Amino acid sequence: VEIPAGKIDPGESPLVAGVRELEEETGYTTNELNFVTSF
């Protein structure tokens, strides 16, 4: 069991990839993604 996630496509920003993965994996979308951290 995981939070929705996936790899970033070539030329894609992390923010755009985040919305895409959220939509594809969960059926939800958002206009309010906010950065937390990277590791």
Full PDB file with SEQRES, HELIX, SHEET, SSBOND, CRYST1, ORIGX, SCALE, CONECT and MASTER records, all heavy atoms in Angstrom:
SEQRES   1 A   39  VAL GLU ILE PRO ALA GLY LYS ILE ASP PRO GLY GLU SER          
SEQRES   2 A   39  PRO LEU VAL ALA GLY VAL ARG GLU LEU GLU GLU GLU THR          
SEQRES   3 A   39  GLY TYR THR THR ASN GLU LEU ASN PHE VAL THR SER PHE          
HELIX    1 AA1 PRO A   14  THR A   26  1                                  13    
CRYST1    1.000    1.000    1.000  90.00  90.00  90.00 P 1           1          
ORIGX1      1.000000  0.000000  0.000000        0.00000                         
ORIGX2      0.000000  1.000000  0.000000        0.00000                         
ORIGX3      0.000000  0.000000  1.000000        0.00000                         
SCALE1      1.000000  0.000000  0.000000        0.00000                         
SCALE2      0.000000  1.000000  0.000000        0.00000                         
SCALE3      0.000000  0.000000  1.000000        0.00000                         
ATOM      1  N   VAL A   1       0.870  -1.171   0.000  1.00  0.00           N  
ATOM      2  CA  VAL A   1       0.000   0.000   0.000  1.00  0.00           C  
ATOM      3  C   VAL A   1       0.910   1.225   0.000  1.00  0.00           C  
ATOM      4  O   VAL A   1       1.776   1.360   0.869  1.00  0.00           O  
ATOM      5  CB  VAL A   1      -0.932   0.003   1.218  1.00  0.00           C  
ATOM      6  CG1 VAL A   1      -1.755   1.279   1.256  1.00  0.00           C  
ATOM      7  CG2 VAL A   1      -1.847  -1.224   1.186  1.00  0.00           C  
ATOM      8  N   GLU A   2       0.705   2.124  -0.975  1.00  0.00           N  
ATOM      9  CA  GLU A   2       1.601   3.258  -1.162  1.00  0.00           C  
ATOM     10  C   GLU A   2       0.810   4.519  -1.495  1.00  0.00           C  
ATOM     11  O   GLU A   2      -0.330   4.445  -1.951  1.00  0.00           O  
ATOM     12  CB  GLU A   2       2.586   2.980  -2.302  1.00  0.00           C  
ATOM     13  CG  GLU A   2       3.323   1.662  -2.208  1.00  0.00           C  
ATOM     14  CD  GLU A   2       4.123   1.355  -3.462  1.00  0.00           C  
ATOM     15  OE1 GLU A   2       4.581   2.313  -4.126  1.00  0.00           O  
ATOM     16  OE2 GLU A   2       4.290   0.172  -3.790  1.00  0.00           O  
ATOM     17  N   ILE A   3       1.450   5.686  -1.303  1.00  0.00           N  
ATOM     18  CA  ILE A   3       0.867   6.905  -1.848  1.00  0.00           C  
ATOM     19  C   ILE A   3       1.080   6.880  -3.357  1.00  0.00           C  
ATOM     20  O   ILE A   3       2.033   6.263  -3.845  1.00  0.00           O  
ATOM     21  CB  ILE A   3       1.481   8.175  -1.217  1.00  0.00           C  
ATOM     22  CG1 ILE A   3       3.006   8.216  -1.406  1.00  0.00           C  
ATOM     23  CG2 ILE A   3       1.111   8.274   0.239  1.00  0.00           C  
ATOM     24  CD1 ILE A   3       3.646   9.519  -0.934  1.00  0.00           C  
ATOM     25  N   PRO A   4       0.201   7.515  -4.147  1.00  0.00           N  
ATOM     26  CA  PRO A   4       0.349   7.499  -5.608  1.00  0.00           C  
ATOM     27  C   PRO A   4       1.672   8.104  -6.039  1.00  0.00           C  
ATOM     28  O   PRO A   4       2.096   9.141  -5.520  1.00  0.00           O  
ATOM     29  CB  PRO A   4      -0.848   8.317  -6.096  1.00  0.00           C  
ATOM     30  CG  PRO A   4      -1.349   9.060  -4.906  1.00  0.00           C  
ATOM     31  CD  PRO A   4      -0.997   8.245  -3.706  1.00  0.00           C  
ATOM     32  N   ALA A   5       2.317   7.456  -7.005  1.00  0.00           N  
ATOM     33  CA  ALA A   5       3.645   7.883  -7.426  1.00  0.00           C  
ATOM     34  C   ALA A   5       3.981   7.272  -8.775  1.00  0.00           C  
ATOM     35  O   ALA A   5       3.316   6.346  -9.246  1.00  0.00           O  
ATOM     36  CB  ALA A   5       4.689   7.465  -6.394  1.00  0.00           C  
ATOM     37  N   GLY A   6       5.039   7.786  -9.381  1.00  0.00           N  
ATOM     38  CA  GLY A   6       5.505   7.233 -10.645  1.00  0.00           C  
ATOM     39  C   GLY A   6       6.700   8.005 -11.160  1.00  0.00           C  
ATOM     40  O   GLY A   6       7.087   9.039 -10.609  1.00  0.00           O  
ATOM     41  N   LYS A   7       7.286   7.484 -12.238  1.00  0.00           N  
ATOM     42  CA  LYS A   7       8.479   8.127 -12.785  1.00  0.00           C  
ATOM     43  C   LYS A   7       8.110   9.354 -13.614  1.00  0.00           C  
ATOM     44  O   LYS A   7       6.991   9.465 -14.125  1.00  0.00           O  
ATOM     45  CB  LYS A   7       9.301   7.146 -13.618  1.00  0.00           C  
ATOM     46  CG  LYS A   7       8.732   6.773 -14.962  1.00  0.00           C  
ATOM     47  CD  LYS A   7       9.666   5.815 -15.676  1.00  0.00           C  
ATOM     48  CE  LYS A   7       9.132   5.459 -17.071  1.00  0.00           C  
ATOM     49  NZ  LYS A   7       9.165   6.591 -18.009  1.00  0.00           N  
ATOM     50  N   ILE A   8       9.060  10.257 -13.712  1.00  0.00           N  
ATOM     51  CA  ILE A   8       8.890  11.479 -14.498  1.00  0.00           C  
ATOM     52  C   ILE A   8       9.234  11.178 -15.950  1.00  0.00           C  
ATOM     53  O   ILE A   8      10.297  10.622 -16.248  1.00  0.00           O  
ATOM     54  CB  ILE A   8       9.801  12.596 -13.953  1.00  0.00           C  
ATOM     55  CG1 ILE A   8       9.433  12.907 -12.500  1.00  0.00           C  
ATOM     56  CG2 ILE A   8       9.691  13.845 -14.804  1.00  0.00           C  
ATOM     57  CD1 ILE A   8      10.412  13.835 -11.810  1.00  0.00           C  
ATOM     58  N   ASP A   9       8.347  11.534 -16.871  1.00  0.00           N  
ATOM     59  CA  ASP A   9       8.589  11.301 -18.295  1.00  0.00           C  
ATOM     60  C   ASP A   9       9.594  12.315 -18.848  1.00  0.00           C  
ATOM     61  O   ASP A   9       9.761  13.404 -18.282  1.00  0.00           O  
ATOM     62  CB  ASP A   9       7.280  11.397 -19.080  1.00  0.00           C  
ATOM     63  CG  ASP A   9       6.347  10.235 -18.806  1.00  0.00           C  
ATOM     64  OD1 ASP A   9       6.833   9.174 -18.354  1.00  0.00           O  
ATOM     65  OD2 ASP A   9       5.128  10.374 -19.035  1.00  0.00           O  
ATOM     66  N   PRO A  10      10.264  11.985 -19.957  1.00  0.00           N  
ATOM     67  CA  PRO A  10      11.231  12.916 -20.553  1.00  0.00           C  
ATOM     68  C   PRO A  10      10.596  14.275 -20.858  1.00  0.00           C  
ATOM     69  O   PRO A  10       9.513  14.351 -21.440  1.00  0.00           O  
ATOM     70  CB  PRO A  10      11.652  12.204 -21.844  1.00  0.00           C  
ATOM     71  CG  PRO A  10      11.441  10.755 -21.553  1.00  0.00           C  
ATOM     72  CD  PRO A  10      10.223  10.696 -20.678  1.00  0.00           C  
ATOM     73  N   GLY A  11      11.251  15.353 -20.436  1.00  0.00           N  
ATOM     74  CA  GLY A  11      10.756  16.699 -20.674  1.00  0.00           C  
ATOM     75  C   GLY A  11       9.642  17.143 -19.756  1.00  0.00           C  
ATOM     76  O   GLY A  11       9.135  18.269 -19.886  1.00  0.00           O  
ATOM     77  N   GLU A  12       9.241  16.305 -18.817  1.00  0.00           N  
ATOM     78  CA  GLU A  12       8.131  16.594 -17.918  1.00  0.00           C  
ATOM     79  C   GLU A  12       8.659  17.156 -16.597  1.00  0.00           C  
ATOM     80  O   GLU A  12       9.654  16.670 -16.057  1.00  0.00           O  
ATOM     81  CB  GLU A  12       7.347  15.311 -17.660  1.00  0.00           C  
ATOM     82  CG  GLU A  12       6.035  15.482 -16.930  1.00  0.00           C  
ATOM     83  CD  GLU A  12       5.297  14.162 -16.786  1.00  0.00           C  
ATOM     84  OE1 GLU A  12       5.957  13.127 -16.528  1.00  0.00           O  
ATOM     85  OE2 GLU A  12       4.070  14.140 -16.930  1.00  0.00           O  
ATOM     86  N   SER A  13       7.992  18.166 -16.061  1.00  0.00           N  
ATOM     87  CA  SER A  13       8.383  18.702 -14.763  1.00  0.00           C  
ATOM     88  C   SER A  13       7.814  17.816 -13.660  1.00  0.00           C  
ATOM     89  O   SER A  13       6.787  17.148 -13.851  1.00  0.00           O  
ATOM     90  CB  SER A  13       7.871  20.132 -14.594  1.00  0.00           C  
ATOM     91  OG  SER A  13       6.461  20.135 -14.420  1.00  0.00           O  
ATOM     92  N   PRO A  14       8.441  17.796 -12.476  1.00  0.00           N  
ATOM     93  CA  PRO A  14       7.893  17.011 -11.366  1.00  0.00           C  
ATOM     94  C   PRO A  14       6.464  17.400 -11.019  1.00  0.00           C  
ATOM     95  O   PRO A  14       5.642  16.535 -10.693  1.00  0.00           O  
ATOM     96  CB  PRO A  14       8.858  17.313 -10.220  1.00  0.00           C  
ATOM     97  CG  PRO A  14      10.156  17.653 -10.891  1.00  0.00           C  
ATOM     98  CD  PRO A  14       9.751  18.388 -12.139  1.00  0.00           C  
ATOM     99  N   LEU A  15       6.147  18.690 -11.091  1.00  0.00           N  
ATOM    100  CA  LEU A  15       4.800  19.152 -10.754  1.00  0.00           C  
ATOM    101  C   LEU A  15       3.770  18.571 -11.712  1.00  0.00           C  
ATOM    102  O   LEU A  15       2.717  18.057 -11.295  1.00  0.00           O  
ATOM    103  CB  LEU A  15       4.748  20.676 -10.781  1.00  0.00           C  
ATOM    104  CG  LEU A  15       3.459  21.327 -10.276  1.00  0.00           C  
ATOM    105  CD1 LEU A  15       3.275  21.063  -8.791  1.00  0.00           C  
ATOM    106  CD2 LEU A  15       3.466  22.825 -10.541  1.00  0.00           C  
ATOM    107  N   VAL A  16       4.050  18.639 -13.009  1.00  0.00           N  
ATOM    108  CA  VAL A  16       3.133  18.086 -14.014  1.00  0.00           C  
ATOM    109  C   VAL A  16       3.015  16.573 -13.853  1.00  0.00           C  
ATOM    110  O   VAL A  16       1.926  15.998 -13.938  1.00  0.00           O  
ATOM    111  CB  VAL A  16       3.606  18.449 -15.434  1.00  0.00           C  
ATOM    112  CG1 VAL A  16       2.803  17.695 -16.487  1.00  0.00           C  
ATOM    113  CG2 VAL A  16       3.488  19.954 -15.667  1.00  0.00           C  
ATOM    114  N   ALA A  17       4.137  15.934 -13.586  1.00  0.00           N  
ATOM    115  CA  ALA A  17       4.131  14.483 -13.393  1.00  0.00           C  
ATOM    116  C   ALA A  17       3.293  14.102 -12.177  1.00  0.00           C  
ATOM    117  O   ALA A  17       2.593  13.083 -12.185  1.00  0.00           O  
ATOM    118  CB  ALA A  17       5.557  13.969 -13.225  1.00  0.00           C  
ATOM    119  N   GLY A  18       3.352  14.925 -11.129  1.00  0.00           N  
ATOM    120  CA  GLY A  18       2.573  14.644  -9.935  1.00  0.00           C  
ATOM    121  C   GLY A  18       1.080  14.649 -10.193  1.00  0.00           C  
ATOM    122  O   GLY A  18       0.358  13.754  -9.741  1.00  0.00           O  
ATOM    123  N   VAL A  19       0.610  15.650 -10.927  1.00  0.00           N  
ATOM    124  CA  VAL A  19      -0.812  15.719 -11.265  1.00  0.00           C  
ATOM    125  C   VAL A  19      -1.197  14.531 -12.148  1.00  0.00           C  
ATOM    126  O   VAL A  19      -2.244  13.900 -11.948  1.00  0.00           O  
ATOM    127  CB  VAL A  19      -1.147  17.051 -11.970  1.00  0.00           C  
ATOM    128  CG1 VAL A  19      -2.599  17.054 -12.442  1.00  0.00           C  
ATOM    129  CG2 VAL A  19      -0.891  18.231 -11.040  1.00  0.00           C  
ATOM    130  N   ARG A  20      -0.350  14.231 -13.131  1.00  0.00           N  
ATOM    131  CA  ARG A  20      -0.636  13.106 -14.045  1.00  0.00           C  
ATOM    132  C   ARG A  20      -0.741  11.787 -13.291  1.00  0.00           C  
ATOM    133  O   ARG A  20      -1.681  11.005 -13.494  1.00  0.00           O  
ATOM    134  CB  ARG A  20       0.452  13.015 -15.115  1.00  0.00           C  
ATOM    135  CG  ARG A  20       0.296  11.797 -16.041  1.00  0.00           C  
ATOM    136  CD  ARG A  20       1.377  11.739 -17.099  1.00  0.00           C  
ATOM    137  NE  ARG A  20       2.708  11.770 -16.527  1.00  0.00           N  
ATOM    138  CZ  ARG A  20       3.304  10.727 -15.930  1.00  0.00           C  
ATOM    139  NH1 ARG A  20       2.647   9.574 -15.796  1.00  0.00           N  
ATOM    140  NH2 ARG A  20       4.524  10.829 -15.458  1.00  0.00           N  
ATOM    141  N   GLU A  21       0.221  11.520 -12.398  1.00  0.00           N  
ATOM    142  CA  GLU A  21       0.203  10.262 -11.650  1.00  0.00           C  
ATOM    143  C   GLU A  21      -1.003  10.188 -10.716  1.00  0.00           C  
ATOM    144  O   GLU A  21      -1.613   9.131 -10.561  1.00  0.00           O  
ATOM    145  CB  GLU A  21       1.500  10.105 -10.857  1.00  0.00           C  
ATOM    146  CG  GLU A  21       2.717   9.793 -11.695  1.00  0.00           C  
ATOM    147  CD  GLU A  21       2.661   8.418 -12.342  1.00  0.00           C  
ATOM    148  OE1 GLU A  21       1.858   7.558 -11.888  1.00  0.00           O  
ATOM    149  OE2 GLU A  21       3.412   8.187 -13.303  1.00  0.00           O  
ATOM    150  N   LEU A  22      -1.354  11.308 -10.096  1.00  0.00           N  
ATOM    151  CA  LEU A  22      -2.530  11.335  -9.230  1.00  0.00           C  
ATOM    152  C   LEU A  22      -3.781  10.986 -10.024  1.00  0.00           C  
ATOM    153  O   LEU A  22      -4.613  10.186  -9.577  1.00  0.00           O  
ATOM    154  CB  LEU A  22      -2.670  12.719  -8.586  1.00  0.00           C  
ATOM    155  CG  LEU A  22      -3.850  12.912  -7.633  1.00  0.00           C  
ATOM    156  CD1 LEU A  22      -3.674  12.051  -6.375  1.00  0.00           C  
ATOM    157  CD2 LEU A  22      -4.003  14.383  -7.259  1.00  0.00           C  
ATOM    158  N   GLU A  23      -3.911  11.574 -11.203  1.00  0.00           N  
ATOM    159  CA  GLU A  23      -5.082  11.322 -12.038  1.00  0.00           C  
ATOM    160  C   GLU A  23      -5.126   9.881 -12.525  1.00  0.00           C  
ATOM    161  O   GLU A  23      -6.177   9.220 -12.486  1.00  0.00           O  
ATOM    162  CB  GLU A  23      -5.084  12.288 -13.230  1.00  0.00           C  
ATOM    163  CG  GLU A  23      -5.322  13.743 -12.835  1.00  0.00           C  
ATOM    164  CD  GLU A  23      -5.269  14.684 -14.014  1.00  0.00           C  
ATOM    165  OE1 GLU A  23      -4.805  14.261 -15.104  1.00  0.00           O  
ATOM    166  OE2 GLU A  23      -5.681  15.841 -13.867  1.00  0.00           O  
ATOM    167  N   GLU A  24      -3.985   9.373 -13.003  1.00  0.00           N  
ATOM    168  CA  GLU A  24      -3.956   8.029 -13.574  1.00  0.00           C  
ATOM    169  C   GLU A  24      -4.177   6.947 -12.526  1.00  0.00           C  
ATOM    170  O   GLU A  24      -4.858   5.946 -12.790  1.00  0.00           O  
ATOM    171  CB  GLU A  24      -2.609   7.789 -14.273  1.00  0.00           C  
ATOM    172  CG  GLU A  24      -2.405   8.608 -15.539  1.00  0.00           C  
ATOM    173  CD  GLU A  24      -1.043   8.406 -16.161  1.00  0.00           C  
ATOM    174  OE1 GLU A  24      -0.208   7.699 -15.550  1.00  0.00           O  
ATOM    175  OE2 GLU A  24      -0.801   8.955 -17.247  1.00  0.00           O  
ATOM    176  N   GLU A  25      -3.611   7.128 -11.341  1.00  0.00           N  
ATOM    177  CA  GLU A  25      -3.661   6.058 -10.349  1.00  0.00           C  
ATOM    178  C   GLU A  25      -4.882   6.116  -9.439  1.00  0.00           C  
ATOM    179  O   GLU A  25      -5.308   5.079  -8.925  1.00  0.00           O  
ATOM    180  CB  GLU A  25      -2.387   6.075  -9.487  1.00  0.00           C  
ATOM    181  CG  GLU A  25      -1.128   5.690 -10.259  1.00  0.00           C  
ATOM    182  CD  GLU A  25       0.020   5.324  -9.345  1.00  0.00           C  
ATOM    183  OE1 GLU A  25      -0.073   5.558  -8.122  1.00  0.00           O  
ATOM    184  OE2 GLU A  25       1.027   4.798  -9.858  1.00  0.00           O  
ATOM    185  N   THR A  26      -5.442   7.307  -9.237  1.00  0.00           N  
ATOM    186  CA  THR A  26      -6.518   7.427  -8.241  1.00  0.00           C  
ATOM    187  C   THR A  26      -7.843   7.929  -8.788  1.00  0.00           C  
ATOM    188  O   THR A  26      -8.873   7.794  -8.116  1.00  0.00           O  
ATOM    189  CB  THR A  26      -6.090   8.369  -7.104  1.00  0.00           C  
ATOM    190  OG1 THR A  26      -6.074   9.730  -7.585  1.00  0.00           O  
ATOM    191  CG2 THR A  26      -4.715   7.998  -6.566  1.00  0.00           C  
ATOM    192  N   GLY A  27      -7.847   8.566  -9.959  1.00  0.00           N  
ATOM    193  CA  GLY A  27      -9.076   9.171 -10.469  1.00  0.00           C  
ATOM    194  C   GLY A  27      -9.351  10.537  -9.888  1.00  0.00           C  
ATOM    195  O   GLY A  27     -10.383  11.149 -10.180  1.00  0.00           O  
ATOM    196  N   TYR A  28      -8.438  11.045  -9.063  1.00  0.00           N  
ATOM    197  CA  TYR A  28      -8.533  12.397  -8.516  1.00  0.00           C  
ATOM    198  C   TYR A  28      -7.646  13.345  -9.316  1.00  0.00           C  
ATOM    199  O   TYR A  28      -6.685  12.921  -9.966  1.00  0.00           O  
ATOM    200  CB  TYR A  28      -8.071  12.442  -7.055  1.00  0.00           C  
ATOM    201  CG  TYR A  28      -9.071  11.953  -6.048  1.00  0.00           C  
ATOM    202  CD1 TYR A  28      -8.926  10.696  -5.451  1.00  0.00           C  
ATOM    203  CD2 TYR A  28     -10.149  12.739  -5.660  1.00  0.00           C  
ATOM    204  CE1 TYR A  28      -9.833  10.242  -4.500  1.00  0.00           C  
ATOM    205  CE2 TYR A  28     -11.060  12.299  -4.710  1.00  0.00           C  
ATOM    206  CZ  TYR A  28     -10.899  11.046  -4.133  1.00  0.00           C  
ATOM    207  OH  TYR A  28     -11.806  10.611  -3.195  1.00  0.00           O  
ATOM    208  N   THR A  29      -7.967  14.631  -9.256  1.00  0.00           N  
ATOM    209  CA  THR A  29      -7.102  15.654  -9.822  1.00  0.00           C  
ATOM    210  C   THR A  29      -7.010  16.815  -8.840  1.00  0.00           C  
ATOM    211  O   THR A  29      -7.735  16.851  -7.834  1.00  0.00           O  
ATOM    212  CB  THR A  29      -7.615  16.158 -11.186  1.00  0.00           C  
ATOM    213  OG1 THR A  29      -6.609  16.993 -11.791  1.00  0.00           O  
ATOM    214  CG2 THR A  29      -8.898  16.951 -11.041  1.00  0.00           C  
ATOM    215  N   THR A  30      -6.098  17.744  -9.122  1.00  0.00           N  
ATOM    216  CA  THR A  30      -5.919  18.889  -8.227  1.00  0.00           C  
ATOM    217  C   THR A  30      -5.256  20.044  -8.966  1.00  0.00           C  
ATOM    218  O   THR A  30      -4.545  19.833  -9.956  1.00  0.00           O  
ATOM    219  CB  THR A  30      -5.054  18.505  -7.012  1.00  0.00           C  
ATOM    220  OG1 THR A  30      -4.977  19.622  -6.122  1.00  0.00           O  
ATOM    221  CG2 THR A  30      -3.645  18.121  -7.442  1.00  0.00           C  
ATOM    222  N   ASN A  31      -5.492  21.246  -8.477  1.00  0.00           N  
ATOM    223  CA  ASN A  31      -4.788  22.440  -8.947  1.00  0.00           C  
ATOM    224  C   ASN A  31      -3.909  23.017  -7.846  1.00  0.00           C  
ATOM    225  O   ASN A  31      -3.416  24.143  -7.967  1.00  0.00           O  
ATOM    226  CB  ASN A  31      -5.795  23.512  -9.400  1.00  0.00           C  
ATOM    227  CG  ASN A  31      -6.581  23.096 -10.622  1.00  0.00           C  
ATOM    228  OD1 ASN A  31      -6.023  22.543 -11.563  1.00  0.00           O  
ATOM    229  ND2 ASN A  31      -7.883  23.345 -10.598  1.00  0.00           N  
ATOM    230  N   GLU A  32      -3.701  22.248  -6.772  1.00  0.00           N  
ATOM    231  CA  GLU A  32      -3.048  22.794  -5.590  1.00  0.00           C  
ATOM    232  C   GLU A  32      -1.878  21.952  -5.091  1.00  0.00           C  
ATOM    233  O   GLU A  32      -1.672  21.803  -3.894  1.00  0.00           O  
ATOM    234  CB  GLU A  32      -4.061  22.936  -4.449  1.00  0.00           C  
ATOM    235  CG  GLU A  32      -5.218  23.867  -4.754  1.00  0.00           C  
ATOM    236  CD  GLU A  32      -6.199  23.957  -3.587  1.00  0.00           C  
ATOM    237  OE1 GLU A  32      -5.880  23.438  -2.491  1.00  0.00           O  
ATOM    238  OE2 GLU A  32      -7.269  24.542  -3.784  1.00  0.00           O  
ATOM    239  N   LEU A  33      -1.099  21.363  -5.978  1.00  0.00           N  
ATOM    240  CA  LEU A  33       0.056  20.599  -5.518  1.00  0.00           C  
ATOM    241  C   LEU A  33       1.093  21.523  -4.901  1.00  0.00           C  
ATOM    242  O   LEU A  33       1.482  22.522  -5.511  1.00  0.00           O  
ATOM    243  CB  LEU A  33       0.694  19.831  -6.677  1.00  0.00           C  
ATOM    244  CG  LEU A  33       0.122  18.455  -7.027  1.00  0.00           C  
ATOM    245  CD1 LEU A  33       1.058  17.743  -7.984  1.00  0.00           C  
ATOM    246  CD2 LEU A  33      -0.108  17.613  -5.792  1.00  0.00           C  
ATOM    247  N   ASN A  34       1.552  21.177  -3.721  1.00  0.00           N  
ATOM    248  CA  ASN A  34       2.547  21.979  -3.012  1.00  0.00           C  
ATOM    249  C   ASN A  34       3.751  21.112  -2.649  1.00  0.00           C  
ATOM    250  O   ASN A  34       3.601  20.003  -2.117  1.00  0.00           O  
ATOM    251  CB  ASN A  34       1.934  22.577  -1.749  1.00  0.00           C  
ATOM    252  CG  ASN A  34       0.833  23.558  -2.084  1.00  0.00           C  
ATOM    253  OD1 ASN A  34       1.079  24.722  -2.350  1.00  0.00           O  
ATOM    254  ND2 ASN A  34      -0.411  23.072  -2.099  1.00  0.00           N  
ATOM    255  N   PHE A  35       4.948  21.634  -2.938  1.00  0.00           N  
ATOM    256  CA  PHE A  35       6.176  20.883  -2.734  1.00  0.00           C  
ATOM    257  C   PHE A  35       6.459  20.676  -1.248  1.00  0.00           C  
ATOM    258  O   PHE A  35       6.333  21.603  -0.442  1.00  0.00           O  
ATOM    259  CB  PHE A  35       7.339  21.629  -3.387  1.00  0.00           C  
ATOM    260  CG  PHE A  35       8.669  20.956  -3.203  1.00  0.00           C  
ATOM    261  CD1 PHE A  35       8.978  19.808  -3.905  1.00  0.00           C  
ATOM    262  CD2 PHE A  35       9.597  21.473  -2.320  1.00  0.00           C  
ATOM    263  CE1 PHE A  35      10.206  19.181  -3.733  1.00  0.00           C  
ATOM    264  CE2 PHE A  35      10.828  20.861  -2.135  1.00  0.00           C  
ATOM    265  CZ  PHE A  35      11.131  19.716  -2.853  1.00  0.00           C  
ATOM    266  N   VAL A  36       6.854  19.441  -0.900  1.00  0.00           N  
ATOM    267  CA  VAL A  36       7.218  19.111   0.476  1.00  0.00           C  
ATOM    268  C   VAL A  36       8.728  18.924   0.600  1.00  0.00           C  
ATOM    269  O   VAL A  36       9.397  19.611   1.360  1.00  0.00           O  
ATOM    270  CB  VAL A  36       6.487  17.836   0.956  1.00  0.00           C  
ATOM    271  CG1 VAL A  36       6.970  17.432   2.349  1.00  0.00           C  
ATOM    272  CG2 VAL A  36       4.979  18.051   0.962  1.00  0.00           C  
ATOM    273  N   THR A  37       9.281  17.974  -0.174  1.00  0.00           N  
ATOM    274  CA  THR A  37      10.716  17.697  -0.107  1.00  0.00           C  
ATOM    275  C   THR A  37      11.112  16.798  -1.266  1.00  0.00           C  
ATOM    276  O   THR A  37      10.255  16.310  -2.013  1.00  0.00           O  
ATOM    277  CB  THR A  37      11.082  17.013   1.227  1.00  0.00           C  
ATOM    278  OG1 THR A  37      12.500  17.016   1.399  1.00  0.00           O  
ATOM    279  CG2 THR A  37      10.576  15.578   1.277  1.00  0.00           C  
ATOM    280  N   SER A  38      12.401  16.592  -1.425  1.00  0.00           N  
ATOM    281  CA  SER A  38      12.947  15.612  -2.372  1.00  0.00           C  
ATOM    282  C   SER A  38      14.008  14.800  -1.649  1.00  0.00           C  
ATOM    283  O   SER A  38      14.712  15.327  -0.780  1.00  0.00           O  
ATOM    284  CB  SER A  38      13.582  16.298  -3.585  1.00  0.00           C  
ATOM    285  OG  SER A  38      12.648  17.061  -4.309  1.00  0.00           O  
ATOM    286  N   PHE A  39      14.127  13.521  -2.010  1.00  0.00           N  
ATOM    287  CA  PHE A  39      15.204  12.720  -1.427  1.00  0.00           C  
ATOM    288  C   PHE A  39      15.581  11.582  -2.368  1.00  0.00           C  
ATOM    289  O   PHE A  39      14.799  11.167  -3.223  1.00  0.00           O  
ATOM    290  CB  PHE A  39      14.828  12.182  -0.040  1.00  0.00           C  
ATOM    291  CG  PHE A  39      13.604  11.304   0.000  1.00  0.00           C  
ATOM    292  CD1 PHE A  39      13.674   9.947  -0.303  1.00  0.00           C  
ATOM    293  CD2 PHE A  39      12.372  11.830   0.372  1.00  0.00           C  
ATOM    294  CE1 PHE A  39      12.546   9.148  -0.248  1.00  0.00           C  
ATOM    295  CE2 PHE A  39      11.239  11.035   0.443  1.00  0.00           C  
ATOM    296  CZ  PHE A  39      11.331   9.683   0.124  1.00  0.00           C  
TER     297      PHE A  39                                                      
MASTER        0    0    0    1    0    0    0    6  296    1    0    3          
END                                                                             
